[in-house]
Amino acid sequence: MISVVVPTLNAEHGLVRALSSLLEAAMRGLVRDVVVADGGSNDLTLAIAEDAGCTIVRAESSARGGLMDAGARAAKGPWLLFLHADTALEPGWDGEAFHFVRQGDLGRAATFRFALDDKRWSARRAELICRLRDRVLALPYGDQGLLISKAQYERLGGFKDLPLLDDVDFVTRFKRTAGRAALTKLAARAVTSAAGYRRDSSALKPLRNLSMLALYRLGVSPERLARLYG
């Protein structure tokens, strides 16, 4: 039984698509509940979540890490799936997730393959950069989702309320505790809206992400990186 945690802040444009990708798994009983952790939306985000039957958590933080942690605390299932509001899981993801959860190894975690909902070559280039980062550094994007037992999540202290790189911080702690081999890559894709990549240029955004990661590893604080990132 999986609880899906979706952090939101004025996410009306992507949320319907994200929630729709969970419908079949919910009907089959794999998804127990969907928790929308909101950081103060003033658009239709909360109305969409309420109409879809989601549990709504109004969090004090507007940072994605703080929102995901608030959602995790309200989740009822023994497994957590963190999913960004502009990301939809492709059909078939639930079978893979069920097989992973059924193995019963509470110390492991899994992510999906990164993809963009854009047919242009620039999107394929961004996906390639992501795959290289994932393969070489074993640092998936938060856009790829994260499936982890609630027990392991709590053991690691959860997502931190950081303005940037909350996903890198958490996965780094996970690998330090469980080992790199404990992070599984599922074959199904997590398809993210390319809107943000089109704004920054599909090639520039992943390169900016890599530069932020390099600076973080050199000791630059997430707060300072957030100011640099804009």
C-alpha atoms as a PDB file:
ATOM      1  CA  MET A   1       0.000   0.000   0.000  1.00  0.00           C
ATOM      2  CA  ILE A   2       1.535   3.248  -1.186  1.00  0.00           C
ATOM      3  CA  SER A   3       0.873   6.811  -0.088  1.00  0.00           C
ATOM      4  CA  VAL A   4       1.649   9.305  -2.834  1.00  0.00           C
ATOM      5  CA  VAL A   5       2.942  12.682  -1.628  1.00  0.00           C
ATOM      6  CA  VAL A   6       2.602  15.621  -4.035  1.00  0.00           C
ATOM      7  CA  PRO A   7       4.084  19.012  -3.041  1.00  0.00           C
ATOM      8  CA  THR A   8       2.233  21.958  -4.585  1.00  0.00           C
ATOM      9  CA  LEU A   9       2.424  25.706  -4.914  1.00  0.00           C
ATOM     10  CA  ASN A  10       0.137  27.147  -7.605  1.00  0.00           C
ATOM     11  CA  ALA A  11       0.342  23.880  -9.517  1.00  0.00           C
ATOM     12  CA  GLU A  12      -3.051  23.883 -11.239  1.00  0.00           C
ATOM     13  CA  HIS A  13      -1.633  23.430 -14.747  1.00  0.00           C
ATOM     14  CA  GLY A  14       0.112  20.123 -14.071  1.00  0.00           C
ATOM     15  CA  LEU A  15      -1.776  18.634 -11.158  1.00  0.00           C
ATOM     16  CA  VAL A  16      -4.676  17.081 -13.091  1.00  0.00           C
ATOM     17  CA  ARG A  17      -2.233  15.199 -15.311  1.00  0.00           C
ATOM     18  CA  ALA A  18      -0.184  14.014 -12.331  1.00  0.00           C
ATOM     19  CA  LEU A  19      -3.215  12.802 -10.384  1.00  0.00           C
ATOM     20  CA  SER A  20      -4.722  11.127 -13.447  1.00  0.00           C
ATOM     21  CA  SER A  21      -1.621   8.942 -13.772  1.00  0.00           C
ATOM     22  CA  LEU A  22      -2.379   7.534 -10.306  1.00  0.00           C
ATOM     23  CA  LEU A  23      -6.017   6.661 -10.950  1.00  0.00           C
ATOM     24  CA  GLU A  24      -5.634   3.081 -12.145  1.00  0.00           C
ATOM     25  CA  ALA A  25      -3.266   2.212  -9.296  1.00  0.00           C
ATOM     26  CA  ALA A  26      -5.754   3.667  -6.819  1.00  0.00           C
ATOM     27  CA  MET A  27      -8.586   1.616  -8.315  1.00  0.00           C
ATOM     28  CA  ARG A  28      -6.454  -1.524  -7.983  1.00  0.00           C
ATOM     29  CA  GLY A  29      -5.742  -0.742  -4.337  1.00  0.00           C
ATOM     30  CA  LEU A  30      -2.019  -0.146  -4.714  1.00  0.00           C
ATOM     31  CA  VAL A  31      -2.327   3.564  -3.923  1.00  0.00           C
ATOM     32  CA  ARG A  32      -3.888   3.938  -0.496  1.00  0.00           C
ATOM     33  CA  ASP A  33      -4.024   7.720  -0.344  1.00  0.00           C
ATOM     34  CA  VAL A  34      -2.708  10.801  -2.115  1.00  0.00           C
ATOM     35  CA  VAL A  35      -1.470  13.616   0.098  1.00  0.00           C
ATOM     36  CA  VAL A  36      -1.216  17.056  -1.467  1.00  0.00           C
ATOM     37  CA  ALA A  37       1.074  19.200   0.685  1.00  0.00           C
ATOM     38  CA  ASP A  38       0.460  22.807  -0.268  1.00  0.00           C
ATOM     39  CA  GLY A  39       2.614  25.831   0.433  1.00  0.00           C
ATOM     40  CA  GLY A  40      -0.063  28.509   0.013  1.00  0.00           C
ATOM     41  CA  SER A  41      -1.546  28.217  -3.467  1.00  0.00           C
ATOM     42  CA  ASN A  42      -3.921  30.947  -4.607  1.00  0.00           C
ATOM     43  CA  ASP A  43      -5.006  29.305  -7.867  1.00  0.00           C
ATOM     44  CA  LEU A  44      -7.180  26.203  -8.419  1.00  0.00           C
ATOM     45  CA  THR A  45      -4.650  23.746  -6.961  1.00  0.00           C
ATOM     46  CA  LEU A  46      -6.553  23.007  -3.754  1.00  0.00           C
ATOM     47  CA  ALA A  47      -9.908  22.774  -5.547  1.00  0.00           C
ATOM     48  CA  ILE A  48      -8.450  20.190  -7.941  1.00  0.00           C
ATOM     49  CA  ALA A  49      -6.949  18.218  -5.072  1.00  0.00           C
ATOM     50  CA  GLU A  50     -10.203  18.293  -3.110  1.00  0.00           C
ATOM     51  CA  ASP A  51     -12.277  17.182  -6.110  1.00  0.00           C
ATOM     52  CA  ALA A  52      -9.858  14.286  -6.642  1.00  0.00           C
ATOM     53  CA  GLY A  53     -10.309  13.095  -3.055  1.00  0.00           C
ATOM     54  CA  CYS A  54      -6.784  13.899  -1.934  1.00  0.00           C
ATOM     55  CA  THR A  55      -5.781  14.528   1.647  1.00  0.00           C
ATOM     56  CA  ILE A  56      -4.746  18.184   1.822  1.00  0.00           C
ATOM     57  CA  VAL A  57      -2.010  19.376   4.144  1.00  0.00           C
ATOM     58  CA  ARG A  58      -1.497  23.119   4.415  1.00  0.00           C
ATOM     59  CA  ALA A  59       2.176  23.419   5.267  1.00  0.00           C
ATOM     60  CA  GLU A  60       4.020  26.370   6.734  1.00  0.00           C
ATOM     61  CA  SER A  61       6.917  25.974   4.309  1.00  0.00           C
ATOM     62  CA  SER A  62       6.782  26.865   0.622  1.00  0.00           C
ATOM     63  CA  ALA A  63      10.036  25.003  -0.145  1.00  0.00           C
ATOM     64  CA  ARG A  64       9.542  21.660  -1.872  1.00  0.00           C
ATOM     65  CA  GLY A  65      11.534  19.702   0.711  1.00  0.00           C
ATOM     66  CA  GLY A  66       9.499  21.075   3.588  1.00  0.00           C
ATOM     67  CA  LEU A  67       6.264  20.370   1.733  1.00  0.00           C
ATOM     68  CA  MET A  68       7.221  16.762   1.006  1.00  0.00           C
ATOM     69  CA  ASP A  69       8.163  16.168   4.628  1.00  0.00           C
ATOM     70  CA  ALA A  70       4.859  17.631   5.831  1.00  0.00           C
ATOM     71  CA  GLY A  71       3.021  15.368   3.387  1.00  0.00           C
ATOM     72  CA  ALA A  72       4.991  12.307   4.483  1.00  0.00           C
ATOM     73  CA  ARG A  73       3.992  12.865   8.107  1.00  0.00           C
ATOM     74  CA  ALA A  74       0.306  12.817   7.097  1.00  0.00           C
ATOM     75  CA  ALA A  75       0.622   9.741   4.855  1.00  0.00           C
ATOM     76  CA  LYS A  76      -1.024   6.529   6.028  1.00  0.00           C
ATOM     77  CA  GLY A  77       0.716   3.873   3.931  1.00  0.00           C
ATOM     78  CA  PRO A  78       3.889   1.925   4.799  1.00  0.00           C
ATOM     79  CA  TRP A  79       5.429   3.037   1.495  1.00  0.00           C
ATOM     80  CA  LEU A  80       5.821   6.592   0.221  1.00  0.00           C
ATOM     81  CA  LEU A  81       5.948   7.758  -3.383  1.00  0.00           C
ATOM     82  CA  PHE A  82       7.061  11.370  -3.765  1.00  0.00           C
ATOM     83  CA  LEU A  83       5.833  12.833  -7.042  1.00  0.00           C
ATOM     84  CA  HIS A  84       6.178  16.405  -8.303  1.00  0.00           C
ATOM     85  CA  ALA A  85       2.972  18.142  -9.357  1.00  0.00           C
ATOM     86  CA  ASP A  86       4.169  18.675 -12.947  1.00  0.00           C
ATOM     87  CA  THR A  87       5.145  15.009 -13.413  1.00  0.00           C
ATOM     88  CA  ALA A  88       2.958  12.115 -14.543  1.00  0.00           C
ATOM     89  CA  LEU A  89       3.911   8.449 -14.369  1.00  0.00           C
ATOM     90  CA  GLU A  90       3.438   6.548 -17.612  1.00  0.00           C
ATOM     91  CA  PRO A  91       1.064   3.526 -17.817  1.00  0.00           C
ATOM     92  CA  GLY A  92       2.575   0.373 -16.363  1.00  0.00           C
ATOM     93  CA  TRP A  93       4.394   2.102 -13.528  1.00  0.00           C
ATOM     94  CA  ASP A  94       2.091   0.537 -10.964  1.00  0.00           C
ATOM     95  CA  GLY A  95       3.056  -3.028 -11.924  1.00  0.00           C
ATOM     96  CA  GLU A  96       6.729  -2.241 -11.439  1.00  0.00           C
ATOM     97  CA  ALA A  97       6.067  -0.434  -8.183  1.00  0.00           C
ATOM     98  CA  PHE A  98       3.974  -3.349  -6.910  1.00  0.00           C
ATOM     99  CA  HIS A  99       6.752  -5.818  -7.734  1.00  0.00           C
ATOM    100  CA  PHE A 100       9.318  -3.609  -5.992  1.00  0.00           C
ATOM    101  CA  VAL A 101       7.212  -3.175  -2.859  1.00  0.00           C
ATOM    102  CA  ARG A 102       6.284  -6.858  -2.775  1.00  0.00           C
ATOM    103  CA  GLN A 103       9.958  -7.806  -2.443  1.00  0.00           C
ATOM    104  CA  GLY A 104       9.671  -6.461   1.086  1.00  0.00           C
ATOM    105  CA  ASP A 105      13.134  -4.900   1.371  1.00  0.00           C
ATOM    106  CA  LEU A 106      12.367  -1.857   3.488  1.00  0.00           C
ATOM    107  CA  GLY A 107      15.918  -0.554   3.170  1.00  0.00           C
ATOM    108  CA  ARG A 108      15.769  -0.022  -0.594  1.00  0.00           C
ATOM    109  CA  ALA A 109      14.351   2.841  -2.665  1.00  0.00           C
ATOM    110  CA  ALA A 110      13.420   3.252  -6.325  1.00  0.00           C
ATOM    111  CA  THR A 111      13.085   5.999  -8.903  1.00  0.00           C
ATOM    112  CA  PHE A 112      11.692   6.154 -12.445  1.00  0.00           C
ATOM    113  CA  ARG A 113      13.322   7.175 -15.726  1.00  0.00           C
ATOM    114  CA  PHE A 114      13.337  10.893 -16.485  1.00  0.00           C
ATOM    115  CA  ALA A 115      11.444  12.151 -19.548  1.00  0.00           C
ATOM    116  CA  LEU A 116      10.011  15.422 -20.853  1.00  0.00           C
ATOM    117  CA  ASP A 117       6.661  15.880 -22.598  1.00  0.00           C
ATOM    118  CA  ASP A 118       8.285  17.539 -25.593  1.00  0.00           C
ATOM    119  CA  LYS A 119       9.048  15.985 -28.982  1.00  0.00           C
ATOM    120  CA  ARG A 120      11.891  18.335 -29.880  1.00  0.00           C
ATOM    121  CA  TRP A 121      15.520  17.203 -30.027  1.00  0.00           C
ATOM    122  CA  SER A 122      16.433  19.681 -27.292  1.00  0.00           C
ATOM    123  CA  ALA A 123      14.263  17.685 -24.878  1.00  0.00           C
ATOM    124  CA  ARG A 124      16.048  14.451 -25.812  1.00  0.00           C
ATOM    125  CA  ARG A 125      19.350  16.210 -25.122  1.00  0.00           C
ATOM    126  CA  ALA A 126      18.138  17.248 -21.659  1.00  0.00           C
ATOM    127  CA  GLU A 127      17.063  13.655 -20.977  1.00  0.00           C
ATOM    128  CA  LEU A 128      20.501  12.405 -22.022  1.00  0.00           C
ATOM    129  CA  ILE A 129      22.235  14.801 -19.631  1.00  0.00           C
ATOM    130  CA  CYS A 130      19.957  13.552 -16.855  1.00  0.00           C
ATOM    131  CA  ARG A 131      20.736   9.906 -17.645  1.00  0.00           C
ATOM    132  CA  LEU A 132      24.468  10.610 -17.539  1.00  0.00           C
ATOM    133  CA  ARG A 133      24.166  12.333 -14.164  1.00  0.00           C
ATOM    134  CA  ASP A 134      22.072   9.467 -12.844  1.00  0.00           C
ATOM    135  CA  ARG A 135      24.418   6.782 -14.153  1.00  0.00           C
ATOM    136  CA  VAL A 136      27.696   8.386 -13.111  1.00  0.00           C
ATOM    137  CA  LEU A 137      26.701  10.024  -9.833  1.00  0.00           C
ATOM    138  CA  ALA A 138      23.627   7.954  -8.880  1.00  0.00           C
ATOM    139  CA  LEU A 139      21.804  11.237  -8.201  1.00  0.00           C
ATOM    140  CA  PRO A 140      18.348  11.152  -9.812  1.00  0.00           C
ATOM    141  CA  TYR A 141      16.329  14.324 -10.185  1.00  0.00           C
ATOM    142  CA  GLY A 142      13.365  14.839  -7.894  1.00  0.00           C
ATOM    143  CA  ASP A 143      11.336  14.837 -11.134  1.00  0.00           C
ATOM    144  CA  GLN A 144      11.989  11.082 -11.343  1.00  0.00           C
ATOM    145  CA  GLY A 145       9.882  10.352  -8.278  1.00  0.00           C
ATOM    146  CA  LEU A 146      11.062   8.462  -5.210  1.00  0.00           C
ATOM    147  CA  LEU A 147       9.525   5.258  -3.846  1.00  0.00           C
ATOM    148  CA  ILE A 148      10.743   4.455  -0.334  1.00  0.00           C
ATOM    149  CA  SER A 149       9.407   2.760   2.784  1.00  0.00           C
ATOM    150  CA  LYS A 150       8.107   5.132   5.413  1.00  0.00           C
ATOM    151  CA  ALA A 151      10.295   3.400   7.996  1.00  0.00           C
ATOM    152  CA  GLN A 152      13.451   4.082   5.992  1.00  0.00           C
ATOM    153  CA  TYR A 153      12.342   7.618   5.219  1.00  0.00           C
ATOM    154  CA  GLU A 154      11.878   8.390   8.900  1.00  0.00           C
ATOM    155  CA  ARG A 155      15.133   6.662   9.800  1.00  0.00           C
ATOM    156  CA  LEU A 156      16.975   9.050   7.475  1.00  0.00           C
ATOM    157  CA  GLY A 157      15.304  12.121   8.955  1.00  0.00           C
ATOM    158  CA  GLY A 158      13.149  12.918   5.934  1.00  0.00           C
ATOM    159  CA  PHE A 159      13.458  15.743   3.433  1.00  0.00           C
ATOM    160  CA  LYS A 160      14.996  18.906   4.812  1.00  0.00           C
ATOM    161  CA  ASP A 161      13.316  22.277   4.462  1.00  0.00           C
ATOM    162  CA  LEU A 162      15.898  23.559   1.963  1.00  0.00           C
ATOM    163  CA  PRO A 163      15.329  26.209  -0.727  1.00  0.00           C
ATOM    164  CA  LEU A 164      17.201  24.103  -3.304  1.00  0.00           C
ATOM    165  CA  LEU A 165      18.712  20.623  -3.814  1.00  0.00           C
ATOM    166  CA  ASP A 166      16.460  18.897  -1.294  1.00  0.00           C
ATOM    167  CA  ASP A 167      16.508  15.827  -3.553  1.00  0.00           C
ATOM    168  CA  VAL A 168      20.319  15.738  -3.687  1.00  0.00           C
ATOM    169  CA  ASP A 169      20.571  16.139   0.085  1.00  0.00           C
ATOM    170  CA  PHE A 170      18.157  13.280   0.764  1.00  0.00           C
ATOM    171  CA  VAL A 171      19.568  10.838  -1.802  1.00  0.00           C
ATOM    172  CA  THR A 172      23.094  11.540  -0.552  1.00  0.00           C
ATOM    173  CA  ARG A 173      22.043  10.620   2.979  1.00  0.00           C
ATOM    174  CA  PHE A 174      20.247   7.542   1.656  1.00  0.00           C
ATOM    175  CA  LYS A 175      23.317   6.293  -0.228  1.00  0.00           C
ATOM    176  CA  ARG A 176      25.551   6.974   2.773  1.00  0.00           C
ATOM    177  CA  THR A 177      23.314   4.779   4.927  1.00  0.00           C
ATOM    178  CA  ALA A 178      22.026   2.091   2.552  1.00  0.00           C
ATOM    179  CA  GLY A 179      24.656   2.141  -0.184  1.00  0.00           C
ATOM    180  CA  ARG A 180      24.478   3.117  -3.837  1.00  0.00           C
ATOM    181  CA  ALA A 181      23.271  -0.353  -4.867  1.00  0.00           C
ATOM    182  CA  ALA A 182      20.144   0.066  -2.728  1.00  0.00           C
ATOM    183  CA  LEU A 183      18.786   2.668  -5.167  1.00  0.00           C
ATOM    184  CA  THR A 184      16.845   0.881  -7.916  1.00  0.00           C
ATOM    185  CA  LYS A 185      15.920   2.331 -11.308  1.00  0.00           C
ATOM    186  CA  LEU A 186      12.490   1.240 -12.557  1.00  0.00           C
ATOM    187  CA  ALA A 187      11.880   1.051 -16.305  1.00  0.00           C
ATOM    188  CA  ALA A 188       8.715   3.172 -16.379  1.00  0.00           C
ATOM    189  CA  ARG A 189       9.129   6.857 -17.145  1.00  0.00           C
ATOM    190  CA  ALA A 190       8.212   9.851 -15.027  1.00  0.00           C
ATOM    191  CA  VAL A 191       7.180  12.380 -17.674  1.00  0.00           C
ATOM    192  CA  THR A 192       7.711  15.963 -16.562  1.00  0.00           C
ATOM    193  CA  SER A 193       6.316  19.121 -18.119  1.00  0.00           C
ATOM    194  CA  ALA A 194       8.924  20.747 -20.344  1.00  0.00           C
ATOM    195  CA  ALA A 195       7.622  24.268 -19.605  1.00  0.00           C
ATOM    196  CA  GLY A 196      10.441  25.068 -17.193  1.00  0.00           C
ATOM    197  CA  TYR A 197      13.013  23.677 -19.591  1.00  0.00           C
ATOM    198  CA  ARG A 198      11.621  25.756 -22.452  1.00  0.00           C
ATOM    199  CA  ARG A 199      11.917  28.891 -20.322  1.00  0.00           C
ATOM    200  CA  ASP A 200      15.579  28.217 -19.529  1.00  0.00           C
ATOM    201  CA  SER A 201      16.313  26.369 -22.806  1.00  0.00           C
ATOM    202  CA  SER A 202      16.287  22.588 -22.604  1.00  0.00           C
ATOM    203  CA  ALA A 203      20.069  22.388 -22.754  1.00  0.00           C
ATOM    204  CA  LEU A 204      20.763  25.209 -20.293  1.00  0.00           C
ATOM    205  CA  LYS A 205      18.581  24.049 -17.413  1.00  0.00           C
ATOM    206  CA  PRO A 206      20.250  20.635 -16.826  1.00  0.00           C
ATOM    207  CA  LEU A 207      23.662  22.275 -17.202  1.00  0.00           C
ATOM    208  CA  ARG A 208      22.654  24.855 -14.601  1.00  0.00           C
ATOM    209  CA  ASN A 209      21.528  22.011 -12.368  1.00  0.00           C
ATOM    210  CA  LEU A 210      24.916  20.339 -12.742  1.00  0.00           C
ATOM    211  CA  SER A 211      26.694  23.582 -11.895  1.00  0.00           C
ATOM    212  CA  MET A 212      24.554  23.967  -8.759  1.00  0.00           C
ATOM    213  CA  LEU A 213      25.390  20.380  -7.811  1.00  0.00           C
ATOM    214  CA  ALA A 214      29.126  21.027  -8.250  1.00  0.00           C
ATOM    215  CA  LEU A 215      28.962  24.139  -6.085  1.00  0.00           C
ATOM    216  CA  TYR A 216      26.954  22.253  -3.445  1.00  0.00           C
ATOM    217  CA  ARG A 217      29.624  19.560  -3.295  1.00  0.00           C
ATOM    218  CA  LEU A 218      32.228  22.264  -2.853  1.00  0.00           C
ATOM    219  CA  GLY A 219      30.404  23.413   0.263  1.00  0.00           C
ATOM    220  CA  VAL A 220      28.190  26.261  -0.982  1.00  0.00           C
ATOM    221  CA  SER A 221      25.008  26.365   1.122  1.00  0.00           C
ATOM    222  CA  PRO A 222      21.583  25.647  -0.441  1.00  0.00           C
ATOM    223  CA  GLU A 223      20.452  29.120   0.670  1.00  0.00           C
ATOM    224  CA  ARG A 224      23.248  30.807  -1.294  1.00  0.00           C
ATOM    225  CA  LEU A 225      22.692  28.506  -4.266  1.00  0.00           C
ATOM    226  CA  ALA A 226      19.010  29.452  -4.294  1.00  0.00           C
ATOM    227  CA  ARG A 227      19.994  33.120  -4.613  1.00  0.00           C
ATOM    228  CA  LEU A 228      22.371  32.276  -7.456  1.00  0.00           C
ATOM    229  CA  TYR A 229      19.790  30.107  -9.180  1.00  0.00           C
ATOM    230  CA  GLY A 230      17.218  32.874  -9.057  1.00  0.00           C
END
